[in-house]
Each structure stands twice: as C-alpha cells, then as structure tokens.
Amino acid sequence: MIRIKRAYDPPAEQDGTRFLVDRLWPRGIKKEALRLAAWCKEVAPSNELRRWFSHDPDKWKEFQRRYRAELNAHGTAWQPLLDAAKQGDVTLIYSAHDTEHNDARVLKTYLEERLTPKKSRS
C-alpha cells in the first residue's frame, strides 16, 4: 500500500517505509523527526514546474499532466519507490499545506498505476 502524509504529522507504525518526495526540506523539521528511509529530491517536480504551479488549484489539471511527463522522463528517480512498494507499505512524505493539490498525490497515483497489472485486451 502507498500512502501520503504531511511532514508535520507524526510518524506512525503503519507508515511502513517513509520517503520524503519534496525538492525542498520541510521548514522547522529536524531530520530525525521524519524517520525517513530516503529523501528522494529527484522524484519531485522540477523547480520550474513547482514555481509555475505555486499550489494554485486552477492549475491542478495542467500540473498533473506536466508532472507526469517529468516522471515519464525520469524513470530511474521513482523506481526505488516502486521497488519499495512491491516489498511492503510505503508512505510518501510531503510538506504542502494543500492536502488535495500536491505532488505527492500525483506521485502516489502514478506509482499505483505501475503496481497494478494492466488488463489484457481481448
């Protein structure tokens, strides 16, 4: 199972393996407090895309399209997350205030699509 969770929420046993998926470190959080397996900066949206989006819900649909294109171009960045999810529970940690419109939500869906076998066409 892949979950997403804000960096400001306390770690929990059911989180499984925790990965920070933001390009920037969350403000005011000490490294030890996050209990991370890794900080995966490379899987986060590019600085240009992050600045363009600026967590504007009106840009959400286009942000998802652009971020997915970046993920498609950088398969080696997200592959360790997918491998970890095949082994057990994974939690993608993010720091955005908006829990509905953030890169971790897009990444979660993107990875889940790659975990689920595609149905063959008849």
N, C-alpha and C. Protein backbone atom coordinates (compact mmCIF):
# COMPACT_ATOMS: atom_id res chain seq x y z
N MET A 1 0.84 -1.18 0.00
CA MET A 1 0.00 0.00 0.00
C MET A 1 0.88 1.24 0.00
N ILE A 2 0.47 2.24 -0.77
CA ILE A 2 1.17 3.52 -0.80
C ILE A 2 0.27 4.56 -0.17
N ARG A 3 0.84 5.28 0.80
CA ARG A 3 0.11 6.35 1.48
C ARG A 3 0.85 7.66 1.25
N ILE A 4 0.16 8.76 1.51
CA ILE A 4 0.82 10.06 1.54
C ILE A 4 0.53 10.69 2.89
N LYS A 5 1.49 11.51 3.34
CA LYS A 5 1.35 12.10 4.67
C LYS A 5 2.17 13.38 4.73
N ARG A 6 1.63 14.36 5.41
CA ARG A 6 2.36 15.62 5.60
C ARG A 6 3.54 15.40 6.53
N ALA A 7 4.61 16.09 6.25
CA ALA A 7 5.81 16.00 7.07
C ALA A 7 5.56 16.45 8.51
N TYR A 8 4.54 17.28 8.69
CA TYR A 8 4.26 17.83 10.01
C TYR A 8 3.38 16.91 10.86
N ASP A 9 2.92 15.81 10.29
CA ASP A 9 2.16 14.81 11.04
C ASP A 9 3.15 13.79 11.61
N PRO A 10 2.92 13.31 12.82
CA PRO A 10 3.89 12.39 13.43
C PRO A 10 3.96 11.04 12.71
N PRO A 11 5.16 10.45 12.66
CA PRO A 11 5.30 9.12 12.07
C PRO A 11 4.45 8.11 12.84
N ALA A 12 4.00 7.07 12.14
CA ALA A 12 3.20 6.02 12.75
C ALA A 12 3.71 4.67 12.27
N GLU A 13 3.45 3.65 13.05
CA GLU A 13 3.89 2.29 12.73
C GLU A 13 3.40 1.85 11.35
N GLN A 14 2.14 2.17 11.02
CA GLN A 14 1.55 1.71 9.76
C GLN A 14 2.10 2.45 8.54
N ASP A 15 2.96 3.46 8.74
CA ASP A 15 3.54 4.18 7.62
C ASP A 15 4.43 3.28 6.76
N GLY A 16 5.02 2.30 7.36
CA GLY A 16 5.97 1.47 6.61
C GLY A 16 7.23 2.26 6.30
N THR A 17 7.76 2.09 5.12
CA THR A 17 8.97 2.80 4.70
C THR A 17 8.59 4.20 4.26
N ARG A 18 9.26 5.19 4.83
CA ARG A 18 8.91 6.59 4.60
C ARG A 18 9.94 7.27 3.70
N PHE A 19 9.44 7.98 2.68
CA PHE A 19 10.30 8.70 1.74
C PHE A 19 9.83 10.15 1.63
N LEU A 20 10.73 11.09 1.82
CA LEU A 20 10.41 12.49 1.56
C LEU A 20 10.49 12.70 0.05
N VAL A 21 9.43 13.22 -0.54
CA VAL A 21 9.37 13.36 -2.00
C VAL A 21 9.28 14.83 -2.44
N ASP A 22 9.73 15.73 -1.60
CA ASP A 22 9.78 17.16 -1.93
C ASP A 22 11.20 17.55 -2.31
N ARG A 23 11.31 18.55 -3.15
CA ARG A 23 12.63 19.05 -3.54
C ARG A 23 13.27 19.87 -2.41
N LEU A 24 12.42 20.52 -1.61
CA LEU A 24 12.90 21.34 -0.51
C LEU A 24 12.61 20.65 0.83
N TRP A 25 13.53 20.82 1.78
CA TRP A 25 13.33 20.24 3.11
C TRP A 25 12.21 20.99 3.82
N PRO A 26 11.31 20.29 4.53
CA PRO A 26 10.22 20.96 5.24
C PRO A 26 10.74 21.91 6.32
N ARG A 27 10.19 23.08 6.36
CA ARG A 27 10.64 24.10 7.32
C ARG A 27 10.37 23.66 8.75
N GLY A 28 11.38 23.87 9.60
CA GLY A 28 11.22 23.64 11.03
C GLY A 28 11.21 22.19 11.46
N ILE A 29 11.56 21.26 10.57
CA ILE A 29 11.55 19.83 10.91
C ILE A 29 12.99 19.33 10.96
N LYS A 30 13.32 18.62 12.02
CA LYS A 30 14.64 18.01 12.13
C LYS A 30 14.63 16.66 11.39
N LYS A 31 15.77 16.31 10.83
CA LYS A 31 15.87 15.06 10.06
C LYS A 31 15.42 13.85 10.87
N GLU A 32 15.83 13.79 12.13
CA GLU A 32 15.49 12.64 12.97
C GLU A 32 13.97 12.50 13.16
N ALA A 33 13.28 13.61 13.17
CA ALA A 33 11.83 13.60 13.43
C ALA A 33 11.04 12.94 12.30
N LEU A 34 11.57 12.97 11.09
CA LEU A 34 10.82 12.41 9.96
C LEU A 34 10.95 10.89 9.82
N ARG A 35 12.01 10.33 10.39
CA ARG A 35 12.23 8.87 10.31
C ARG A 35 12.12 8.37 8.87
N LEU A 36 12.98 8.90 8.01
CA LEU A 36 12.94 8.59 6.59
C LEU A 36 13.89 7.46 6.21
N ALA A 37 13.49 6.71 5.20
CA ALA A 37 14.41 5.77 4.57
C ALA A 37 15.30 6.54 3.60
N ALA A 38 14.72 7.57 2.95
CA ALA A 38 15.48 8.37 1.99
C ALA A 38 14.75 9.66 1.68
N TRP A 39 15.53 10.64 1.21
CA TRP A 39 14.98 11.89 0.70
C TRP A 39 15.14 11.82 -0.81
N CYS A 40 14.05 11.70 -1.52
CA CYS A 40 14.05 11.49 -2.97
C CYS A 40 13.77 12.80 -3.70
N LYS A 41 14.71 13.72 -3.66
CA LYS A 41 14.55 15.03 -4.31
C LYS A 41 14.32 14.90 -5.81
N GLU A 42 14.98 13.91 -6.41
CA GLU A 42 14.96 13.76 -7.86
C GLU A 42 13.57 13.42 -8.40
N VAL A 43 12.71 12.88 -7.56
CA VAL A 43 11.37 12.48 -8.00
C VAL A 43 10.38 13.65 -7.89
N ALA A 44 10.78 14.71 -7.22
CA ALA A 44 9.91 15.88 -7.05
C ALA A 44 9.80 16.64 -8.37
N PRO A 45 8.76 17.44 -8.51
CA PRO A 45 8.65 18.27 -9.71
C PRO A 45 9.86 19.20 -9.85
N SER A 46 10.20 19.53 -11.08
CA SER A 46 11.31 20.44 -11.31
C SER A 46 11.02 21.79 -10.64
N ASN A 47 12.08 22.54 -10.38
CA ASN A 47 11.90 23.86 -9.77
C ASN A 47 11.00 24.74 -10.63
N GLU A 48 11.17 24.64 -11.95
CA GLU A 48 10.35 25.45 -12.85
C GLU A 48 8.87 25.09 -12.72
N LEU A 49 8.57 23.80 -12.71
CA LEU A 49 7.18 23.36 -12.60
C LEU A 49 6.61 23.71 -11.22
N ARG A 50 7.40 23.52 -10.21
CA ARG A 50 6.96 23.83 -8.84
C ARG A 50 6.61 25.31 -8.72
N ARG A 51 7.47 26.16 -9.25
CA ARG A 51 7.22 27.61 -9.17
C ARG A 51 5.99 27.99 -10.01
N TRP A 52 5.86 27.40 -11.20
CA TRP A 52 4.72 27.71 -12.06
C TRP A 52 3.41 27.32 -11.36
N PHE A 53 3.37 26.14 -10.78
CA PHE A 53 2.15 25.65 -10.15
C PHE A 53 1.79 26.49 -8.92
N SER A 54 2.74 26.70 -8.04
CA SER A 54 2.56 27.51 -6.84
C SER A 54 1.30 27.12 -6.05
N HIS A 55 0.95 25.84 -6.10
CA HIS A 55 -0.21 25.28 -5.39
C HIS A 55 -1.52 25.99 -5.72
N ASP A 56 -1.64 26.41 -6.96
CA ASP A 56 -2.86 27.07 -7.44
C ASP A 56 -3.83 26.00 -7.94
N PRO A 57 -4.95 25.78 -7.25
CA PRO A 57 -5.91 24.75 -7.66
C PRO A 57 -6.40 24.90 -9.09
N ASP A 58 -6.40 26.13 -9.62
CA ASP A 58 -6.83 26.34 -11.01
C ASP A 58 -5.84 25.74 -12.00
N LYS A 59 -4.60 25.51 -11.58
CA LYS A 59 -3.57 24.93 -12.45
C LYS A 59 -3.40 23.43 -12.21
N TRP A 60 -4.23 22.84 -11.35
CA TRP A 60 -4.07 21.46 -10.92
C TRP A 60 -4.04 20.46 -12.08
N LYS A 61 -5.00 20.54 -12.96
CA LYS A 61 -5.08 19.57 -14.06
C LYS A 61 -3.82 19.65 -14.94
N GLU A 62 -3.41 20.84 -15.28
CA GLU A 62 -2.22 21.01 -16.11
C GLU A 62 -0.95 20.62 -15.34
N PHE A 63 -0.92 20.91 -14.05
CA PHE A 63 0.22 20.49 -13.24
C PHE A 63 0.37 18.97 -13.27
N GLN A 64 -0.73 18.26 -13.10
CA GLN A 64 -0.68 16.80 -13.13
C GLN A 64 -0.12 16.30 -14.46
N ARG A 65 -0.57 16.87 -15.56
CA ARG A 65 -0.09 16.46 -16.89
C ARG A 65 1.41 16.70 -17.01
N ARG A 66 1.85 17.89 -16.63
CA ARG A 66 3.27 18.25 -16.75
C ARG A 66 4.15 17.41 -15.82
N TYR A 67 3.68 17.20 -14.60
CA TYR A 67 4.46 16.42 -13.64
C TYR A 67 4.57 14.96 -14.10
N ARG A 68 3.49 14.40 -14.61
CA ARG A 68 3.54 13.04 -15.13
C ARG A 68 4.53 12.93 -16.29
N ALA A 69 4.59 13.95 -17.13
CA ALA A 69 5.56 13.96 -18.23
C ALA A 69 6.99 13.95 -17.67
N GLU A 70 7.22 14.73 -16.61
CA GLU A 70 8.54 14.70 -15.98
C GLU A 70 8.84 13.33 -15.39
N LEU A 71 7.87 12.72 -14.75
CA LEU A 71 8.07 11.38 -14.18
C LEU A 71 8.37 10.36 -15.27
N ASN A 72 7.68 10.45 -16.39
CA ASN A 72 7.93 9.54 -17.51
C ASN A 72 9.36 9.68 -18.02
N ALA A 73 9.88 10.89 -17.98
CA ALA A 73 11.22 11.15 -18.50
C ALA A 73 12.31 10.73 -17.51
N HIS A 74 11.94 10.49 -16.25
CA HIS A 74 12.94 10.19 -15.21
C HIS A 74 12.58 8.92 -14.44
N GLY A 75 12.45 7.81 -15.14
CA GLY A 75 12.06 6.54 -14.53
C GLY A 75 13.00 6.05 -13.45
N THR A 76 14.28 6.38 -13.56
CA THR A 76 15.22 5.90 -12.55
C THR A 76 15.00 6.60 -11.21
N ALA A 77 14.40 7.78 -11.23
CA ALA A 77 14.17 8.51 -9.97
C ALA A 77 13.09 7.86 -9.13
N TRP A 78 12.02 7.41 -9.74
CA TRP A 78 10.90 6.84 -8.97
C TRP A 78 10.97 5.32 -8.84
N GLN A 79 11.84 4.66 -9.55
CA GLN A 79 11.92 3.20 -9.49
C GLN A 79 12.18 2.66 -8.08
N PRO A 80 13.07 3.27 -7.29
CA PRO A 80 13.26 2.77 -5.91
C PRO A 80 11.99 2.83 -5.07
N LEU A 81 11.15 3.84 -5.30
CA LEU A 81 9.88 3.93 -4.58
C LEU A 81 8.96 2.80 -4.98
N LEU A 82 8.92 2.50 -6.26
CA LEU A 82 8.10 1.41 -6.76
C LEU A 82 8.60 0.07 -6.22
N ASP A 83 9.91 -0.11 -6.22
CA ASP A 83 10.50 -1.35 -5.68
C ASP A 83 10.15 -1.52 -4.20
N ALA A 84 10.23 -0.44 -3.44
CA ALA A 84 9.89 -0.50 -2.01
C ALA A 84 8.41 -0.83 -1.82
N ALA A 85 7.55 -0.27 -2.65
CA ALA A 85 6.11 -0.53 -2.55
C ALA A 85 5.78 -1.99 -2.88
N LYS A 86 6.59 -2.62 -3.72
CA LYS A 86 6.39 -4.04 -4.04
C LYS A 86 6.74 -4.92 -2.84
N GLN A 87 7.58 -4.39 -1.94
CA GLN A 87 8.04 -5.14 -0.77
C GLN A 87 7.16 -4.94 0.46
N GLY A 88 6.44 -3.81 0.51
CA GLY A 88 5.63 -3.53 1.69
C GLY A 88 5.04 -2.13 1.65
N ASP A 89 4.51 -1.71 2.78
CA ASP A 89 3.87 -0.39 2.85
C ASP A 89 4.90 0.73 2.70
N VAL A 90 4.47 1.77 1.99
CA VAL A 90 5.31 2.94 1.73
C VAL A 90 4.48 4.19 2.01
N THR A 91 5.11 5.19 2.60
CA THR A 91 4.46 6.48 2.79
C THR A 91 5.32 7.56 2.15
N LEU A 92 4.69 8.33 1.27
CA LEU A 92 5.34 9.45 0.60
C LEU A 92 5.09 10.69 1.46
N ILE A 93 6.15 11.30 1.92
CA ILE A 93 6.07 12.45 2.83
C ILE A 93 6.22 13.73 2.02
N TYR A 94 5.32 14.69 2.29
CA TYR A 94 5.35 15.98 1.61
C TYR A 94 5.08 17.08 2.62
N SER A 95 5.35 18.33 2.24
CA SER A 95 5.16 19.41 3.21
C SER A 95 4.09 20.43 2.81
N ALA A 96 3.50 20.30 1.65
CA ALA A 96 2.50 21.27 1.20
C ALA A 96 1.33 21.36 2.18
N HIS A 97 0.78 22.54 2.31
CA HIS A 97 -0.40 22.75 3.17
C HIS A 97 -1.65 22.14 2.53
N ASP A 98 -1.73 22.21 1.22
CA ASP A 98 -2.89 21.72 0.48
C ASP A 98 -2.80 20.19 0.35
N THR A 99 -3.69 19.50 1.02
CA THR A 99 -3.65 18.03 1.02
C THR A 99 -4.28 17.42 -0.23
N GLU A 100 -4.97 18.21 -1.01
CA GLU A 100 -5.63 17.70 -2.23
C GLU A 100 -4.86 18.00 -3.50
N HIS A 101 -4.10 19.09 -3.53
CA HIS A 101 -3.41 19.53 -4.73
C HIS A 101 -1.91 19.61 -4.46
N ASN A 102 -1.24 18.45 -4.48
CA ASN A 102 0.20 18.43 -4.23
C ASN A 102 0.85 17.31 -5.02
N ASP A 103 2.16 17.42 -5.17
CA ASP A 103 2.90 16.47 -5.99
C ASP A 103 2.87 15.05 -5.43
N ALA A 104 2.82 14.89 -4.13
CA ALA A 104 2.78 13.54 -3.54
C ALA A 104 1.53 12.79 -3.97
N ARG A 105 0.41 13.48 -4.08
CA ARG A 105 -0.84 12.85 -4.52
C ARG A 105 -0.70 12.34 -5.96
N VAL A 106 -0.09 13.14 -6.83
CA VAL A 106 0.13 12.74 -8.22
C VAL A 106 1.08 11.55 -8.27
N LEU A 107 2.17 11.63 -7.52
CA LEU A 107 3.17 10.56 -7.50
C LEU A 107 2.57 9.26 -6.98
N LYS A 108 1.75 9.32 -5.96
CA LYS A 108 1.09 8.13 -5.41
C LYS A 108 0.28 7.44 -6.50
N THR A 109 -0.54 8.17 -7.21
CA THR A 109 -1.37 7.60 -8.27
C THR A 109 -0.49 7.04 -9.39
N TYR A 110 0.53 7.77 -9.75
CA TYR A 110 1.46 7.34 -10.79
C TYR A 110 2.10 6.00 -10.45
N LEU A 111 2.56 5.86 -9.21
CA LEU A 111 3.19 4.60 -8.77
C LEU A 111 2.17 3.47 -8.68
N GLU A 112 0.99 3.77 -8.18
CA GLU A 112 -0.05 2.73 -8.08
C GLU A 112 -0.43 2.19 -9.45
N GLU A 113 -0.45 3.03 -10.45
CA GLU A 113 -0.74 2.58 -11.81
C GLU A 113 0.31 1.59 -12.30
N ARG A 114 1.54 1.75 -11.85
CA ARG A 114 2.62 0.85 -12.26
C ARG A 114 2.67 -0.42 -11.42
N LEU A 115 2.03 -0.41 -10.26
CA LEU A 115 1.95 -1.60 -9.41
C LEU A 115 0.84 -2.54 -9.86
N THR A 116 -0.21 -1.98 -10.44
CA THR A 116 -1.38 -2.75 -10.84
C THR A 116 -1.16 -3.29 -12.25
N PRO A 117 -1.22 -4.62 -12.41
CA PRO A 117 -1.06 -5.17 -13.76
C PRO A 117 -2.18 -4.70 -14.68
N LYS A 118 -1.79 -4.35 -15.90
CA LYS A 118 -2.80 -3.91 -16.87
C LYS A 118 -3.55 -5.11 -17.40
N LYS A 119 -4.86 -4.91 -17.56
CA LYS A 119 -5.70 -5.98 -18.10
C LYS A 119 -5.42 -6.15 -19.58
N SER A 120 -5.29 -7.39 -19.99
CA SER A 120 -5.04 -7.63 -21.41
C SER A 120 -6.30 -7.39 -22.22
N ARG A 121 -6.10 -6.88 -23.42
CA ARG A 121 -7.23 -6.60 -24.29
C ARG A 121 -7.63 -7.86 -25.04
N SER A 122 -8.92 -8.11 -25.10
CA SER A 122 -9.40 -9.31 -25.80
C SER A 122 -10.03 -8.95 -27.11
